[in-house]
C-alpha atoms as a PDB file:
ATOM      1  CA  MET A   1     140.402  91.512  42.937  1.00  0.00           C
ATOM      2  CA  THR A   2     137.958  93.623  44.931  1.00  0.00           C
ATOM      3  CA  GLN A   3     136.563  91.887  48.002  1.00  0.00           C
ATOM      4  CA  PRO A   4     132.805  91.290  48.078  1.00  0.00           C
ATOM      5  CA  ILE A   5     130.870  93.041  50.819  1.00  0.00           C
ATOM      6  CA  ILE A   6     127.628  91.192  49.967  1.00  0.00           C
ATOM      7  CA  GLU A   7     127.441  87.547  48.901  1.00  0.00           C
ATOM      8  CA  MET A   8     124.040  85.883  48.524  1.00  0.00           C
ATOM      9  CA  SER A   9     123.905  82.257  47.377  1.00  0.00           C
ATOM     10  CA  GLY A  10     120.701  80.354  46.569  1.00  0.00           C
ATOM     11  CA  VAL A  11     118.570  82.726  48.643  1.00  0.00           C
ATOM     12  CA  THR A  12     114.848  81.941  48.637  1.00  0.00           C
ATOM     13  CA  LYS A  13     112.194  83.823  50.596  1.00  0.00           C
ATOM     14  CA  SER A  14     108.467  83.104  50.597  1.00  0.00           C
ATOM     15  CA  TYR A  15     105.460  84.495  52.444  1.00  0.00           C
ATOM     16  CA  ARG A  16     102.028  83.047  53.108  1.00  0.00           C
ATOM     17  CA  ARG A  17      99.155  85.186  51.882  1.00  0.00           C
ATOM     18  CA  GLY A  18      95.799  83.641  52.635  1.00  0.00           C
ATOM     19  CA  GLY A  19      96.152  80.025  51.580  1.00  0.00           C
ATOM     20  CA  GLU A  20      98.755  80.829  48.951  1.00  0.00           C
ATOM     21  CA  THR A  21     102.559  80.769  49.116  1.00  0.00           C
ATOM     22  CA  LEU A  22     104.161  83.772  47.451  1.00  0.00           C
ATOM     23  CA  THR A  23     107.823  83.347  46.493  1.00  0.00           C
ATOM     24  CA  VAL A  24     109.479  86.765  46.676  1.00  0.00           C
ATOM     25  CA  LEU A  25     113.101  85.695  46.097  1.00  0.00           C
ATOM     26  CA  ASP A  26     113.777  82.559  44.053  1.00  0.00           C
ATOM     27  CA  ALA A  27     117.183  80.850  44.530  1.00  0.00           C
ATOM     28  CA  LEU A  28     118.908  84.210  44.158  1.00  0.00           C
ATOM     29  CA  ASP A  29     122.669  84.624  43.707  1.00  0.00           C
ATOM     30  CA  PHE A  30     123.969  88.163  44.152  1.00  0.00           C
ATOM     31  CA  ARG A  31     127.268  89.896  44.881  1.00  0.00           C
ATOM     32  CA  VAL A  32     128.303  93.478  45.586  1.00  0.00           C
ATOM     33  CA  ASP A  33     131.973  94.440  45.831  1.00  0.00           C
ATOM     34  CA  THR A  34     133.382  96.761  48.462  1.00  0.00           C
ATOM     35  CA  GLY A  35     133.206 100.374  47.283  1.00  0.00           C
ATOM     36  CA  ASP A  36     130.496  99.733  44.690  1.00  0.00           C
ATOM     37  CA  PHE A  37     127.339 101.802  44.182  1.00  0.00           C
ATOM     38  CA  VAL A  38     124.536  99.527  42.996  1.00  0.00           C
ATOM     39  CA  ALA A  39     121.025 100.615  42.028  1.00  0.00           C
ATOM     40  CA  LEU A  40     118.475  97.817  42.377  1.00  0.00           C
ATOM     41  CA  MET A  41     115.552  98.422  40.013  1.00  0.00           C
ATOM     42  CA  GLY A  42     112.403  96.609  38.936  1.00  0.00           C
ATOM     43  CA  PRO A  43     108.609  96.695  39.257  1.00  0.00           C
ATOM     44  CA  SER A  44     106.836  96.731  42.615  1.00  0.00           C
ATOM     45  CA  GLY A  45     106.742  93.225  44.053  1.00  0.00           C
ATOM     46  CA  SER A  46     109.914  92.099  42.292  1.00  0.00           C
ATOM     47  CA  GLY A  47     111.724  91.404  45.583  1.00  0.00           C
ATOM     48  CA  LYS A  48     113.975  94.474  45.806  1.00  0.00           C
ATOM     49  CA  SER A  49     113.013  95.604  49.308  1.00  0.00           C
ATOM     50  CA  THR A  50     112.968  92.014  50.586  1.00  0.00           C
ATOM     51  CA  MET A  51     116.545  91.606  49.351  1.00  0.00           C
ATOM     52  CA  LEU A  52     117.523  94.850  51.087  1.00  0.00           C
ATOM     53  CA  ASN A  53     115.945  93.696  54.353  1.00  0.00           C
ATOM     54  CA  ILE A  54     117.758  90.354  54.203  1.00  0.00           C
ATOM     55  CA  VAL A  55     121.117  91.988  53.462  1.00  0.00           C
ATOM     56  CA  GLY A  56     120.557  94.370  56.383  1.00  0.00           C
ATOM     57  CA  GLY A  57     119.629  91.578  58.774  1.00  0.00           C
ATOM     58  CA  LEU A  58     116.058  92.843  59.204  1.00  0.00           C
ATOM     59  CA  ASP A  59     114.689  89.613  57.720  1.00  0.00           C
ATOM     60  CA  ARG A  60     116.041  86.104  57.202  1.00  0.00           C
ATOM     61  CA  PRO A  61     115.828  83.885  54.098  1.00  0.00           C
ATOM     62  CA  ASP A  62     114.025  80.551  54.142  1.00  0.00           C
ATOM     63  CA  VAL A  63     116.914  78.921  52.269  1.00  0.00           C
ATOM     64  CA  GLY A  64     120.353  80.086  51.181  1.00  0.00           C
ATOM     65  CA  ARG A  65     123.458  81.770  52.529  1.00  0.00           C
ATOM     66  CA  VAL A  66     124.014  85.488  53.130  1.00  0.00           C
ATOM     67  CA  VAL A  67     127.458  86.874  53.998  1.00  0.00           C
ATOM     68  CA  VAL A  68     127.799  90.624  54.599  1.00  0.00           C
ATOM     69  CA  ALA A  69     131.101  92.316  55.449  1.00  0.00           C
ATOM     70  CA  GLY A  70     132.578  88.858  56.007  1.00  0.00           C
ATOM     71  CA  GLN A  71     129.869  87.801  58.487  1.00  0.00           C
ATOM     72  CA  PRO A  72     127.561  84.845  57.715  1.00  0.00           C
ATOM     73  CA  LEU A  73     124.235  86.227  58.972  1.00  0.00           C
ATOM     74  CA  ASP A  74     122.691  82.813  59.648  1.00  0.00           C
ATOM     75  CA  ALA A  75     125.340  82.242  62.330  1.00  0.00           C
ATOM     76  CA  LEU A  76     123.985  85.096  64.471  1.00  0.00           C
ATOM     77  CA  SER A  77     121.176  85.000  67.011  1.00  0.00           C
ATOM     78  CA  SER A  78     118.564  87.764  66.845  1.00  0.00           C
ATOM     79  CA  SER A  79     120.308  89.800  69.569  1.00  0.00           C
ATOM     80  CA  ALA A  80     123.762  89.286  68.039  1.00  0.00           C
ATOM     81  CA  LEU A  81     122.352  90.242  64.642  1.00  0.00           C
ATOM     82  CA  ALA A  82     120.974  93.499  66.080  1.00  0.00           C
ATOM     83  CA  ARG A  83     124.389  94.352  67.568  1.00  0.00           C
ATOM     84  CA  TRP A  84     126.143  93.471  64.307  1.00  0.00           C
ATOM     85  CA  ARG A  85     123.663  95.572  62.301  1.00  0.00           C
ATOM     86  CA  SER A  86     124.201  98.634  64.501  1.00  0.00           C
ATOM     87  CA  ARG A  87     127.955  98.490  63.850  1.00  0.00           C
ATOM     88  CA  HIS A  88     128.094  97.572  60.169  1.00  0.00           C
ATOM     89  CA  ILE A  89     124.910  98.761  58.378  1.00  0.00           C
ATOM     90  CA  GLY A  90     123.479 102.231  57.765  1.00  0.00           C
ATOM     91  CA  PHE A  91     119.865 102.598  56.599  1.00  0.00           C
ATOM     92  CA  VAL A  92     118.242 105.385  54.583  1.00  0.00           C
ATOM     93  CA  PHE A  93     114.477 105.262  53.994  1.00  0.00           C
ATOM     94  CA  GLN A  94     112.090 107.037  51.639  1.00  0.00           C
ATOM     95  CA  SER A  95     110.088 108.597  54.472  1.00  0.00           C
ATOM     96  CA  PHE A  96     113.225 109.789  56.400  1.00  0.00           C
ATOM     97  CA  ASN A  97     112.010 108.182  59.699  1.00  0.00           C
ATOM     98  CA  LEU A  98     113.233 111.081  61.800  1.00  0.00           C
ATOM     99  CA  VAL A  99     111.914 111.605  65.341  1.00  0.00           C
ATOM    100  CA  PRO A 100     109.946 114.890  65.125  1.00  0.00           C
ATOM    101  CA  VAL A 101     110.619 116.071  68.693  1.00  0.00           C
ATOM    102  CA  LEU A 102     114.404 115.668  68.370  1.00  0.00           C
ATOM    103  CA  SER A 103     116.864 118.047  66.745  1.00  0.00           C
ATOM    104  CA  ALA A 104     118.897 117.052  63.706  1.00  0.00           C
ATOM    105  CA  LYS A 105     121.903 116.303  65.924  1.00  0.00           C
ATOM    106  CA  GLU A 106     119.815 114.272  68.367  1.00  0.00           C
ATOM    107  CA  ASN A 107     118.356 112.237  65.479  1.00  0.00           C
ATOM    108  CA  VAL A 108     121.839 111.506  64.153  1.00  0.00           C
ATOM    109  CA  MET A 109     123.005 110.486  67.625  1.00  0.00           C
ATOM    110  CA  LEU A 110     120.304 107.798  67.966  1.00  0.00           C
ATOM    111  CA  PRO A 111     122.213 104.879  66.391  1.00  0.00           C
ATOM    112  CA  LEU A 112     125.303 105.906  68.351  1.00  0.00           C
ATOM    113  CA  LEU A 113     123.458 105.056  71.583  1.00  0.00           C
ATOM    114  CA  LEU A 114     124.057 101.390  70.680  1.00  0.00           C
ATOM    115  CA  THR A 115     127.828 101.935  70.604  1.00  0.00           C
ATOM    116  CA  PRO A 116     130.289 102.091  73.532  1.00  0.00           C
ATOM    117  CA  LEU A 117     131.071 105.754  72.782  1.00  0.00           C
ATOM    118  CA  SER A 118     130.807 108.341  75.536  1.00  0.00           C
ATOM    119  CA  GLY A 119     128.222 111.112  75.327  1.00  0.00           C
ATOM    120  CA  ALA A 120     130.866 113.619  74.222  1.00  0.00           C
ATOM    121  CA  GLU A 121     132.134 111.219  71.549  1.00  0.00           C
ATOM    122  CA  ARG A 122     128.601 110.638  70.277  1.00  0.00           C
ATOM    123  CA  ARG A 123     127.993 114.374  69.983  1.00  0.00           C
ATOM    124  CA  LYS A 124     131.294 114.867  68.152  1.00  0.00           C
ATOM    125  CA  GLN A 125     130.565 112.038  65.711  1.00  0.00           C
ATOM    126  CA  ALA A 126     127.023 113.316  65.025  1.00  0.00           C
ATOM    127  CA  GLU A 127     128.360 116.823  64.403  1.00  0.00           C
ATOM    128  CA  PHE A 128     130.964 115.437  61.993  1.00  0.00           C
ATOM    129  CA  ALA A 129     128.302 113.466  60.063  1.00  0.00           C
ATOM    130  CA  LEU A 130     126.068 116.531  59.760  1.00  0.00           C
ATOM    131  CA  ASP A 131     129.029 118.582  58.575  1.00  0.00           C
ATOM    132  CA  VAL A 132     129.766 115.933  55.914  1.00  0.00           C
ATOM    133  CA  VAL A 133     126.219 116.258  54.526  1.00  0.00           C
ATOM    134  CA  GLY A 134     126.368 120.069  54.607  1.00  0.00           C
ATOM    135  CA  LEU A 135     124.068 120.714  57.562  1.00  0.00           C
ATOM    136  CA  SER A 136     126.438 122.014  60.221  1.00  0.00           C
ATOM    137  CA  ASP A 137     124.246 125.121  60.457  1.00  0.00           C
ATOM    138  CA  ARG A 138     121.046 123.103  61.030  1.00  0.00           C
ATOM    139  CA  MET A 139     122.106 120.872  63.930  1.00  0.00           C
ATOM    140  CA  GLY A 140     119.592 122.344  66.363  1.00  0.00           C
ATOM    141  CA  HIS A 141     116.655 122.336  63.924  1.00  0.00           C
ATOM    142  CA  ARG A 142     113.813 119.849  64.295  1.00  0.00           C
ATOM    143  CA  PRO A 143     112.517 117.981  61.211  1.00  0.00           C
ATOM    144  CA  LYS A 144     109.512 120.292  60.725  1.00  0.00           C
ATOM    145  CA  GLN A 145     111.950 123.219  60.421  1.00  0.00           C
ATOM    146  CA  LEU A 146     113.788 121.540  57.522  1.00  0.00           C
ATOM    147  CA  SER A 147     112.973 121.010  53.851  1.00  0.00           C
ATOM    148  CA  GLY A 148     112.432 117.490  52.525  1.00  0.00           C
ATOM    149  CA  GLY A 149     115.907 117.460  51.013  1.00  0.00           C
ATOM    150  CA  GLN A 150     117.426 118.598  54.308  1.00  0.00           C
ATOM    151  CA  GLU A 151     115.489 115.920  56.215  1.00  0.00           C
ATOM    152  CA  GLN A 152     116.894 113.265  53.901  1.00  0.00           C
ATOM    153  CA  ARG A 153     120.386 114.663  54.455  1.00  0.00           C
ATOM    154  CA  VAL A 154     119.852 114.292  58.206  1.00  0.00           C
ATOM    155  CA  ALA A 155     118.760 110.698  57.570  1.00  0.00           C
ATOM    156  CA  ILE A 156     121.924 110.113  55.526  1.00  0.00           C
ATOM    157  CA  ALA A 157     124.044 111.650  58.299  1.00  0.00           C
ATOM    158  CA  ARG A 158     122.362 109.275  60.747  1.00  0.00           C
ATOM    159  CA  ALA A 159     123.144 106.346  58.418  1.00  0.00           C
ATOM    160  CA  ILE A 160     126.859 107.177  58.214  1.00  0.00           C
ATOM    161  CA  ALA A 161     127.361 108.345  61.811  1.00  0.00           C
ATOM    162  CA  THR A 162     128.481 104.890  62.978  1.00  0.00           C
ATOM    163  CA  ASP A 163     130.942 104.631  60.043  1.00  0.00           C
ATOM    164  CA  PRO A 164     129.173 101.529  58.640  1.00  0.00           C
ATOM    165  CA  ASP A 165     130.674  99.158  56.081  1.00  0.00           C
ATOM    166  CA  LEU A 166     127.524  99.302  53.958  1.00  0.00           C
ATOM    167  CA  VAL A 167     124.684 101.797  53.417  1.00  0.00           C
ATOM    168  CA  LEU A 168     121.290 100.415  52.344  1.00  0.00           C
ATOM    169  CA  ALA A 169     118.838 102.935  50.902  1.00  0.00           C
ATOM    170  CA  ASP A 170     115.185 102.218  50.041  1.00  0.00           C
ATOM    171  CA  GLU A 171     113.812 104.815  47.576  1.00  0.00           C
ATOM    172  CA  PRO A 172     115.937 107.648  49.019  1.00  0.00           C
ATOM    173  CA  THR A 173     114.662 110.142  46.418  1.00  0.00           C
ATOM    174  CA  GLY A 174     111.054 108.902  46.337  1.00  0.00           C
ATOM    175  CA  ASP A 175     109.531 111.723  48.411  1.00  0.00           C
ATOM    176  CA  LEU A 176     111.685 114.533  47.010  1.00  0.00           C
ATOM    177  CA  ASP A 177     111.269 117.045  44.206  1.00  0.00           C
ATOM    178  CA  ARG A 178     113.713 116.768  41.300  1.00  0.00           C
ATOM    179  CA  GLU A 179     116.112 119.429  42.562  1.00  0.00           C
ATOM    180  CA  SER A 180     116.297 117.887  46.040  1.00  0.00           C
ATOM    181  CA  ALA A 181     116.590 114.378  44.583  1.00  0.00           C
ATOM    182  CA  THR A 182     119.526 115.428  42.419  1.00  0.00           C
ATOM    183  CA  SER A 183     121.210 117.077  45.412  1.00  0.00           C
ATOM    184  CA  VAL A 184     120.763 113.923  47.527  1.00  0.00           C
ATOM    185  CA  MET A 185     122.189 111.736  44.751  1.00  0.00           C
ATOM    186  CA  GLU A 186     125.192 114.040  44.404  1.00  0.00           C
ATOM    187  CA  LEU A 187     125.752 113.627  48.146  1.00  0.00           C
ATOM    188  CA  LEU A 188     125.521 109.818  47.971  1.00  0.00           C
ATOM    189  CA  GLU A 189     127.964 109.795  45.055  1.00  0.00           C
ATOM    190  CA  ARG A 190     130.396 111.949  47.024  1.00  0.00           C
ATOM    191  CA  LEU A 191     130.174 109.648  50.057  1.00  0.00           C
ATOM    192  CA  ASN A 192     130.867 106.710  47.746  1.00  0.00           C
ATOM    193  CA  GLN A 193     133.777 108.348  45.944  1.00  0.00           C
ATOM    194  CA  GLU A 194     135.428 110.315  48.751  1.00  0.00           C
ATOM    195  CA  LEU A 195     134.690 108.192  51.822  1.00  0.00           C
ATOM    196  CA  GLY A 196     134.569 104.832  50.022  1.00  0.00           C
ATOM    197  CA  LYS A 197     131.109 103.940  51.340  1.00  0.00           C
ATOM    198  CA  THR A 198     129.403 101.022  49.596  1.00  0.00           C
ATOM    199  CA  PHE A 199     125.778 101.657  48.592  1.00  0.00           C
ATOM    200  CA  LEU A 200     122.952  99.315  47.654  1.00  0.00           C
ATOM    201  CA  VAL A 201     119.978 101.471  46.644  1.00  0.00           C
ATOM    202  CA  VAL A 202     116.460 100.291  45.812  1.00  0.00           C
ATOM    203  CA  THR A 203     114.864 102.769  43.429  1.00  0.00           C
ATOM    204  CA  HIS A 204     112.268 103.421  40.742  1.00  0.00           C
ATOM    205  CA  ASP A 205     114.024 106.675  39.831  1.00  0.00           C
ATOM    206  CA  PRO A 206     115.829 106.465  36.448  1.00  0.00           C
ATOM    207  CA  MET A 207     118.124 109.306  37.532  1.00  0.00           C
ATOM    208  CA  VAL A 208     119.426 107.179  40.403  1.00  0.00           C
ATOM    209  CA  GLY A 209     119.973 104.258  38.052  1.00  0.00           C
ATOM    210  CA  GLU A 210     121.880 106.447  35.617  1.00  0.00           C
ATOM    211  CA  ARG A 211     124.208 107.786  38.303  1.00  0.00           C
ATOM    212  CA  ALA A 212     124.958 104.454  40.004  1.00  0.00           C
ATOM    213  CA  LYS A 213     128.106 102.528  39.097  1.00  0.00           C
ATOM    214  CA  ARG A 214     126.038  99.418  38.419  1.00  0.00           C
ATOM    215  CA  THR A 215     122.333  98.877  37.777  1.00  0.00           C
ATOM    216  CA  VAL A 216     120.706  95.539  38.596  1.00  0.00           C
ATOM    217  CA  HIS A 217     117.209  94.790  37.296  1.00  0.00           C
ATOM    218  CA  MET A 218     114.889  92.389  39.131  1.00  0.00           C
ATOM    219  CA  ASP A 219     111.533  90.837  38.363  1.00  0.00           C
ATOM    220  CA  LYS A 220     109.556  88.093  40.107  1.00  0.00           C
ATOM    221  CA  GLY A 221     112.305  87.398  42.623  1.00  0.00           C
ATOM    222  CA  ALA A 222     115.063  86.936  40.067  1.00  0.00           C
ATOM    223  CA  ILE A 223     117.853  89.089  38.647  1.00  0.00           C
ATOM    224  CA  LEU A 224     117.274  89.776  34.955  1.00  0.00           C
ATOM    225  CA  ASP A 225     120.445  91.697  34.125  1.00  0.00           C
ATOM    226  CA  ALA A 226     123.179  93.875  35.567  1.00  0.00           C
ATOM    227  CA  ARG A 227     124.751  96.794  33.748  1.00  0.00           C
ATOM    228  CA  GLU A 228     127.900  98.748  34.472  1.00  0.00           C
ATOM    229  CA  ALA A 229     127.754 102.523  34.180  1.00  0.00           C
ATOM    230  CA  ALA A 230     129.384 104.027  31.118  1.00  0.00           C
ATOM    231  CA  PRO A 231     132.925 105.292  31.872  1.00  0.00           C
END
């Protein structure tokens, strides 16, 4: 049986808005197996991004247990959680979040600064990640010299540069035209299939849902259904 990389049990998360308590996740149970590619879909406000943030250790639940890559996250202090996150989680965002004054290679090297690698090793690993995403000829380019699709590829290279156990992506095709979005999805599929990377992707894009191995639909902090991709 495939080992789970994400296990969430009875996870509840609420926020205060004015004098009202808003429950974003409601006693949620959720599992993702190692090597899976899961698209998390649902209307805005359904709890998708909150779930992603909790899985990535950027936020903590009010109640419930979260185990990622064998690590119970509630057992870690904030500083230990940050160190764990830098080693085990890669993040891809809709808006790329690249530093405009840095080259593609320098952007990819950023998360490697939190590792014990030497400068030469960091450069080599960043170059390898950019080669994997097909941008070995753009390493010295700054973000403004790249297309949107190329910027997202740099962001994906940055996410995989530390060889994480899990890649979390929040609307990775949201700011891209259809051609670029398709190209980015083909890249994510290849990383999943050839490198065995596990992906949990929040998306409103039906194309992403169609290409994922499993699609999970959420609404009002609960999981409505989960569907396997057709063979």
